[in-house]
Structures are given as structure tokens and as C-alpha cells.
PDB file of N, CA and C in Angstrom:
ATOM      1  N   MET A   1      59.690  31.656  21.422  1.00  0.00           N
ATOM      2  CA  MET A   1      61.030  32.090  22.312  1.00  0.00           C
ATOM      3  C   MET A   1      60.998  33.344  22.242  1.00  0.00           C
ATOM      4  N   ILE A   2      59.819  34.078  21.806  1.00  0.00           N
ATOM      5  CA  ILE A   2      59.881  35.536  22.082  1.00  0.00           C
ATOM      6  C   ILE A   2      59.388  35.931  23.539  1.00  0.00           C
ATOM      7  N   ARG A   3      58.230  34.708  23.773  1.00  0.00           N
ATOM      8  CA  ARG A   3      57.706  35.389  25.212  1.00  0.00           C
ATOM      9  C   ARG A   3      59.042  35.163  26.361  1.00  0.00           C
ATOM     10  N   GLY A   4      59.698  34.068  26.004  1.00  0.00           N
ATOM     11  CA  GLY A   4      61.121  34.416  27.323  1.00  0.00           C
ATOM     12  C   GLY A   4      61.756  35.671  27.358  1.00  0.00           C
ATOM     13  N   TRP A   5      61.920  36.354  26.426  1.00  0.00           N
ATOM     14  CA  TRP A   5      62.682  37.305  26.406  1.00  0.00           C
ATOM     15  C   TRP A   5      61.965  38.568  26.770  1.00  0.00           C
ATOM     16  N   THR A   6      60.806  38.614  26.346  1.00  0.00           N
ATOM     17  CA  THR A   6      59.487  39.308  27.068  1.00  0.00           C
ATOM     18  C   THR A   6      59.106  39.606  28.172  1.00  0.00           C
ATOM     19  N   ALA A   7      59.829  37.897  28.446  1.00  0.00           N
ATOM     20  CA  ALA A   7      59.176  38.523  30.311  1.00  0.00           C
ATOM     21  C   ALA A   7      60.908  38.603  30.908  1.00  0.00           C
ATOM     22  N   VAL A   8      62.331  38.794  30.003  1.00  0.00           N
ATOM     23  CA  VAL A   8      63.037  39.047  30.829  1.00  0.00           C
ATOM     24  C   VAL A   8      63.182  40.573  30.915  1.00  0.00           C
ATOM     25  N   ILE A   9      62.666  41.308  29.516  1.00  0.00           N
ATOM     26  CA  ILE A   9      62.572  42.742  29.113  1.00  0.00           C
ATOM     27  C   ILE A   9      61.844  43.185  30.270  1.00  0.00           C
ATOM     28  N   VAL A  10      60.617  42.609  30.513  1.00  0.00           N
ATOM     29  CA  VAL A  10      59.511  43.114  31.653  1.00  0.00           C
ATOM     30  C   VAL A  10      60.072  43.393  33.365  1.00  0.00           C
ATOM     31  N   PHE A  11      60.850  41.831  33.681  1.00  0.00           N
ATOM     32  CA  PHE A  11      61.227  41.518  34.724  1.00  0.00           C
ATOM     33  C   PHE A  11      62.445  42.625  35.048  1.00  0.00           C
ATOM     34  N   THR A  12      63.187  42.962  34.035  1.00  0.00           N
ATOM     35  CA  THR A  12      64.117  43.649  33.808  1.00  0.00           C
ATOM     36  C   THR A  12      63.890  44.874  34.393  1.00  0.00           C
ATOM     37  N   THR A  13      63.231  45.365  33.932  1.00  0.00           N
ATOM     38  CA  THR A  13      62.099  47.144  33.871  1.00  0.00           C
ATOM     39  C   THR A  13      61.582  47.459  35.325  1.00  0.00           C
ATOM     40  N   LEU A  14      61.571  46.317  35.392  1.00  0.00           N
ATOM     41  CA  LEU A  14      60.914  46.105  36.721  1.00  0.00           C
ATOM     42  C   LEU A  14      61.341  46.682  38.161  1.00  0.00           C
ATOM     43  N   ALA A  15      62.584  45.414  37.928  1.00  0.00           N
ATOM     44  CA  ALA A  15      63.791  45.855  38.906  1.00  0.00           C
ATOM     45  C   ALA A  15      64.154  47.118  38.605  1.00  0.00           C
ATOM     46  N   VAL A  16      64.743  47.650  37.396  1.00  0.00           N
ATOM     47  CA  VAL A  16      65.248  48.662  37.577  1.00  0.00           C
ATOM     48  C   VAL A  16      64.506  49.879  37.909  1.00  0.00           C
ATOM     49  N   VAL A  17      63.179  50.228  37.892  1.00  0.00           N
ATOM     50  CA  VAL A  17      62.100  51.025  38.365  1.00  0.00           C
ATOM     51  C   VAL A  17      61.892  50.959  39.671  1.00  0.00           C
ATOM     52  N   MET A  18      61.829  49.687  40.765  1.00  0.00           N
ATOM     53  CA  MET A  18      62.267  49.790  41.640  1.00  0.00           C
ATOM     54  C   MET A  18      63.316  49.562  42.187  1.00  0.00           C
ATOM     55  N   MET A  19      64.035  50.161  41.563  1.00  0.00           N
ATOM     56  CA  MET A  19      65.790  50.216  42.127  1.00  0.00           C
ATOM     57  C   MET A  19      65.565  51.831  42.506  1.00  0.00           C
ATOM     58  N   VAL A  20      65.309  52.365  41.220  1.00  0.00           N
ATOM     59  CA  VAL A  20      64.887  53.646  41.065  1.00  0.00           C
ATOM     60  C   VAL A  20      63.995  54.514  42.027  1.00  0.00           C
ATOM     61  N   GLY A  21      63.340  54.032  42.191  1.00  0.00           N
ATOM     62  CA  GLY A  21      62.276  54.546  43.515  1.00  0.00           C
ATOM     63  C   GLY A  21      62.774  54.237  44.679  1.00  0.00           C
ATOM     64  N   VAL A  22      63.896  52.983  44.934  1.00  0.00           N
ATOM     65  CA  VAL A  22      64.116  53.205  46.293  1.00  0.00           C
ATOM     66  C   VAL A  22      65.259  54.476  46.521  1.00  0.00           C
ATOM     67  N   ASN A  23      66.178  54.508  45.718  1.00  0.00           N
ATOM     68  CA  ASN A  23      67.103  55.580  45.597  1.00  0.00           C
ATOM     69  C   ASN A  23      66.472  56.717  45.971  1.00  0.00           C
ATOM     70  N   VAL A  24      65.840  57.346  45.107  1.00  0.00           N
ATOM     71  CA  VAL A  24      64.924  58.661  45.359  1.00  0.00           C
ATOM     72  C   VAL A  24      64.538  58.690  46.689  1.00  0.00           C
ATOM     73  N   ARG A  25      63.990  57.497  47.157  1.00  0.00           N
ATOM     74  CA  ARG A  25      63.478  57.418  48.936  1.00  0.00           C
ATOM     75  C   ARG A  25      64.347  58.046  49.540  1.00  0.00           C
ATOM     76  N   MET A  26      65.257  57.473  50.010  1.00  0.00           N
ATOM     77  CA  MET A  26      66.381  57.646  50.179  1.00  0.00           C
ATOM     78  C   MET A  26      66.960  58.812  50.185  1.00  0.00           C
ATOM     79  N   TRP A  27      67.044  59.245  49.121  1.00  0.00           N
ATOM     80  CA  TRP A  27      68.073  60.325  48.766  1.00  0.00           C
ATOM     81  C   TRP A  27      67.205  61.239  49.328  1.00  0.00           C
ATOM     82  N   ARG A  28      65.607  61.378  49.152  1.00  0.00           N
ATOM     83  CA  ARG A  28      64.987  62.204  50.254  1.00  0.00           C
ATOM     84  C   ARG A  28      64.834  62.189  51.506  1.00  0.00           C
ATOM     85  N   ARG A  29      64.850  61.090  52.049  1.00  0.00           N
ATOM     86  CA  ARG A  29      65.219  60.592  53.535  1.00  0.00           C
ATOM     87  C   ARG A  29      66.752  61.541  53.983  1.00  0.00           C
ATOM     88  N   MET A  30      67.158  61.304  53.214  1.00  0.00           N
ATOM     89  CA  MET A  30      68.759  61.660  53.592  1.00  0.00           C
ATOM     90  C   MET A  30      68.920  63.345  54.150  1.00  0.00           C
ATOM     91  N   LYS A  31      68.353  64.203  52.550  1.00  0.00           N
ATOM     92  CA  LYS A  31      68.143  65.534  52.338  1.00  0.00           C
ATOM     93  C   LYS A  31      67.175  66.409  53.434  1.00  0.00           C
ATOM     94  N   ALA A  32      65.942  65.111  54.209  1.00  0.00           N
ATOM     95  CA  ALA A  32      65.406  65.913  55.245  1.00  0.00           C
ATOM     96  C   ALA A  32      65.913  65.826  56.119  1.00  0.00           C
ATOM     97  N   ALA A  33      67.028  64.858  56.921  1.00  0.00           N
ATOM     98  CA  ALA A  33      67.546  64.600  57.787  1.00  0.00           C
ATOM     99  C   ALA A  33      68.942  65.949  58.023  1.00  0.00           C
ATOM    100  N   THR A  34      69.209  66.084  56.710  1.00  0.00           N
ATOM    101  CA  THR A  34      70.391  67.090  56.711  1.00  0.00           C
ATOM    102  C   THR A  34      69.752  68.171  56.926  1.00  0.00           C
ATOM    103  N   ALA A  35      68.834  68.486  56.566  1.00  0.00           N
ATOM    104  CA  ALA A  35      68.351  69.907  56.799  1.00  0.00           C
ATOM    105  C   ALA A  35      67.819  70.133  57.947  1.00  0.00           C
ATOM    106  N   ALA A  36      67.213  68.908  58.990  1.00  0.00           N
ATOM    107  CA  ALA A  36      66.914  69.021  60.004  1.00  0.00           C
ATOM    108  C   ALA A  36      67.766  69.485  60.773  1.00  0.00           C
ATOM    109  N   ALA A  37      68.884  68.348  60.999  1.00  0.00           N
ATOM    110  CA  ALA A  37      70.011  68.941  61.728  1.00  0.00           C
ATOM    111  C   ALA A  37      70.677  69.901  61.377  1.00  0.00           C
ATOM    112  N   LYS A  38      70.563  70.608  60.463  1.00  0.00           N
ATOM    113  CA  LYS A  38      71.148  72.248  59.923  1.00  0.00           C
ATOM    114  C   LYS A  38      70.167  72.924  60.998  1.00  0.00           C
ATOM    115  N   ALA A  39      68.853  72.664  61.039  1.00  0.00           N
ATOM    116  CA  ALA A  39      68.374  73.684  61.740  1.00  0.00           C
ATOM    117  C   ALA A  39      67.914  73.486  62.989  1.00  0.00           C
ATOM    118  N   ASP A  40      68.593  72.118  63.611  1.00  0.00           N
ATOM    119  CA  ASP A  40      69.105  72.248  65.064  1.00  0.00           C
ATOM    120  C   ASP A  40      69.865  72.251  65.356  1.00  0.00           C
ATOM    121  N   ALA A  41      71.090  72.344  64.662  1.00  0.00           N
ATOM    122  CA  ALA A  41      72.218  73.090  65.096  1.00  0.00           C
ATOM    123  C   ALA A  41      72.644  74.307  65.161  1.00  0.00           C
ATOM    124  N   GLU A  42      71.390  74.999  64.098  1.00  0.00           N
ATOM    125  CA  GLU A  42      71.122  77.033  64.585  1.00  0.00           C
ATOM    126  C   GLU A  42      70.511  77.118  65.519  1.00  0.00           C
ATOM    127  N   ARG A  43      69.250  76.318  65.659  1.00  0.00           N
ATOM    128  CA  ARG A  43      68.579  76.655  67.472  1.00  0.00           C
ATOM    129  C   ARG A  43      69.299  76.344  68.329  1.00  0.00           C
ATOM    130  N   GLU A  44      70.271  75.914  68.491  1.00  0.00           N
ATOM    131  CA  GLU A  44      71.026  75.317  69.634  1.00  0.00           C
ATOM    132  C   GLU A  44      72.508  76.278  69.759  1.00  0.00           C
ATOM    133  N   GLY A  45      71.961  76.939  68.509  1.00  0.00           N
ATOM    134  CA  GLY A  45      73.777  78.137  68.627  1.00  0.00           C
ATOM    135  C   GLY A  45      74.820  77.381  68.269  1.00  0.00           C
ATOM    136  N   ASP A  46      75.256  76.385  67.686  1.00  0.00           N
ATOM    137  CA  ASP A  46      76.074  75.504  67.526  1.00  0.00           C
ATOM    138  C   ASP A  46      76.103  76.308  65.760  1.00  0.00           C
ATOM    139  N   THR A  47      77.893  76.497  65.264  1.00  0.00           N
ATOM    140  CA  THR A  47      78.228  77.160  64.250  1.00  0.00           C
ATOM    141  C   THR A  47      77.758  75.676  62.918  1.00  0.00           C
ATOM    142  N   VAL A  48      77.076  76.189  61.867  1.00  0.00           N
ATOM    143  CA  VAL A  48      77.175  75.053  60.940  1.00  0.00           C
ATOM    144  C   VAL A  48      78.251  74.933  59.824  1.00  0.00           C
ATOM    145  N   ASP A  49      79.216  73.542  59.983  1.00  0.00           N
ATOM    146  CA  ASP A  49      79.912  73.810  58.694  1.00  0.00           C
ATOM    147  C   ASP A  49      79.991  74.596  57.629  1.00  0.00           C
ATOM    148  N   ARG A  50      80.466  75.718  57.248  1.00  0.00           N
ATOM    149  CA  ARG A  50      80.361  76.380  56.237  1.00  0.00           C
ATOM    150  C   ARG A  50      81.808  76.349  55.402  1.00  0.00           C
ATOM    151  N   GLY A  51      82.407  75.485  55.573  1.00  0.00           N
ATOM    152  CA  GLY A  51      84.208  75.530  55.319  1.00  0.00           C
ATOM    153  C   GLY A  51      84.930  76.357  55.661  1.00  0.00           C
ATOM    154  N   GLU A  52      84.754  76.926  56.987  1.00  0.00           N
ATOM    155  CA  GLU A  52      85.386  77.805  57.398  1.00  0.00           C
ATOM    156  C   GLU A  52      86.212  77.362  58.653  1.00  0.00           C
ATOM    157  N   PRO A  53      87.977  77.701  58.818  1.00  0.00           N
ATOM    158  CA  PRO A  53      88.363  77.159  59.585  1.00  0.00           C
ATOM    159  C   PRO A  53      88.317  77.355  61.399  1.00  0.00           C
ATOM    160  N   ALA A  54      88.305  76.325  62.037  1.00  0.00           N
ATOM    161  CA  ALA A  54      87.678  76.612  63.248  1.00  0.00           C
ATOM    162  C   ALA A  54      88.608  77.129  64.163  1.00  0.00           C
ATOM    163  N   SER A  55      88.372  77.769  64.839  1.00  0.00           N
ATOM    164  CA  SER A  55      89.040  78.674  65.519  1.00  0.00           C
ATOM    165  C   SER A  55      89.726  78.407  67.240  1.00  0.00           C
ATOM    166  N   THR A  56      90.589  78.209  67.426  1.00  0.00           N
ATOM    167  CA  THR A  56      90.796  77.277  68.739  1.00  0.00           C
ATOM    168  C   THR A  56      91.521  78.236  69.665  1.00  0.00           C
TER     169      THR A  56
END
């Protein structure tokens, strides 16, 4: 019975590690995409949203 619980713990640990790894990778991609979009907008002369009200 101990071996069964060991397998459950090992499998669960591996699943959690994989989920954390995927989330970190996605977070890094989103961070890079946001930085690239901001740099693009500044290069093109667009205003980057800094919470200021838009002039009409």
C-alpha cells in the first residue's frame, strides 16, 4: 500500500511542477509581448496608455 501512495505523491508533484513551469513560460511570453507592443507604439508615435484621460 505504501508504494501506491508513493506513486500518487510522485505523480502529483510532477503534475504541479509541470503546471508551474507552463505558467511561468506563459507569463514570460506575455511580458515580452507587452514590452514589444509598447516599444512598437512608441516608435510609431502612438500614445501609450498611462491612465491619462483621452483628449477629444
